[in-house]
Protein backbone atom coordinates (compact mmCIF):
# COMPACT_ATOMS: atom_id res chain seq x y z
CA UNK A 1 114.47 -8.17 242.90
CA UNK A 2 115.22 -8.66 239.21
CA UNK A 3 112.98 -8.99 236.17
CA UNK A 4 112.59 -12.37 234.52
CA UNK A 5 111.43 -12.25 230.90
CA UNK A 6 110.14 -15.25 228.94
CA UNK A 7 109.33 -14.77 225.26
CA UNK A 8 106.24 -16.86 224.47
CA UNK A 9 105.37 -18.56 221.16
CA UNK A 10 102.30 -16.34 220.81
CA UNK A 11 102.52 -13.72 218.06
CA UNK A 12 99.08 -12.10 218.51
CA UNK A 13 98.12 -10.83 222.00
CA UNK A 14 94.43 -11.44 221.18
CA UNK A 15 95.14 -15.18 221.66
CA UNK A 16 95.76 -14.62 225.40
CA UNK A 17 92.44 -14.98 227.18
CA UNK A 18 93.49 -14.57 230.84
CA UNK A 19 95.92 -12.38 232.76
CA UNK A 20 99.19 -13.73 234.07
CA UNK A 21 99.15 -15.42 237.48
CA UNK A 22 102.26 -13.47 238.44
CA UNK A 23 103.80 -10.60 236.52
CA UNK A 24 102.31 -9.36 233.27
CA UNK A 25 102.06 -10.16 229.58
CA UNK A 26 103.57 -7.39 227.44
CA UNK A 27 103.71 -6.86 223.69
CA UNK A 28 104.71 -4.18 221.22
CA UNK A 29 108.49 -4.51 221.45
CA UNK A 30 110.60 -4.47 218.29
CA UNK A 31 114.08 -5.72 217.40
CA UNK A 32 116.70 -3.87 215.41
CA UNK A 33 119.49 -5.70 213.57
CA UNK A 34 118.11 -9.15 214.43
CA UNK A 35 115.11 -11.38 213.84
CA UNK A 36 113.06 -13.74 215.99
CA UNK A 37 112.42 -17.38 215.10
CA UNK A 38 109.26 -18.68 216.78
CA UNK A 39 109.59 -22.02 218.51
CA UNK A 40 107.23 -24.89 217.78
CA UNK A 41 105.00 -26.25 220.52
CA UNK A 42 106.77 -25.98 223.88
CA UNK A 43 110.15 -25.32 222.25
CA UNK A 44 111.34 -21.78 222.96
CA UNK A 45 112.09 -19.39 220.09
CA UNK A 46 115.45 -17.72 219.54
CA UNK A 47 117.22 -14.73 218.02
CA UNK A 48 118.26 -15.11 214.38
CA UNK A 49 119.99 -13.06 211.74
CA UNK A 50 117.89 -10.22 210.42
CA UNK A 51 115.83 -10.69 207.27
CA UNK A 52 116.66 -8.20 204.53
CA UNK A 53 114.18 -5.30 204.30
CA UNK A 54 112.54 -6.32 207.60
CA UNK A 55 114.16 -3.54 209.63
CA UNK A 56 112.11 -3.73 212.83
CA UNK A 57 110.49 -7.15 213.39
CA UNK A 58 108.05 -7.34 216.29
CA UNK A 59 108.77 -9.67 219.20
CA UNK A 60 106.07 -12.13 220.27
CA UNK A 61 104.19 -11.64 223.55
CA UNK A 62 106.49 -11.73 226.59
CA UNK A 63 105.76 -12.75 230.17
CA UNK A 64 107.60 -10.43 232.58
CA UNK A 65 107.74 -11.18 236.29
CA UNK A 66 109.97 -10.27 239.22
CA UNK A 67 112.04 -12.80 241.15
CA UNK A 68 114.06 -12.49 244.31
CA UNK A 69 117.76 -12.28 243.68
């Protein structure tokens, strides 16, 4: 088994009304030395260069599940 992590385009966990069908939604993770650019609509976000004076930007909500290897 390995963990599969998908970063969602949801910044605030309050916007999630139901639990995940499989796995779990997690939040509260931070980046160091990088930034996160939210995607628009169904487009997935991506890592970006860090913004000056924003030392620890928070990641959006992530969906973590296990898959068979």
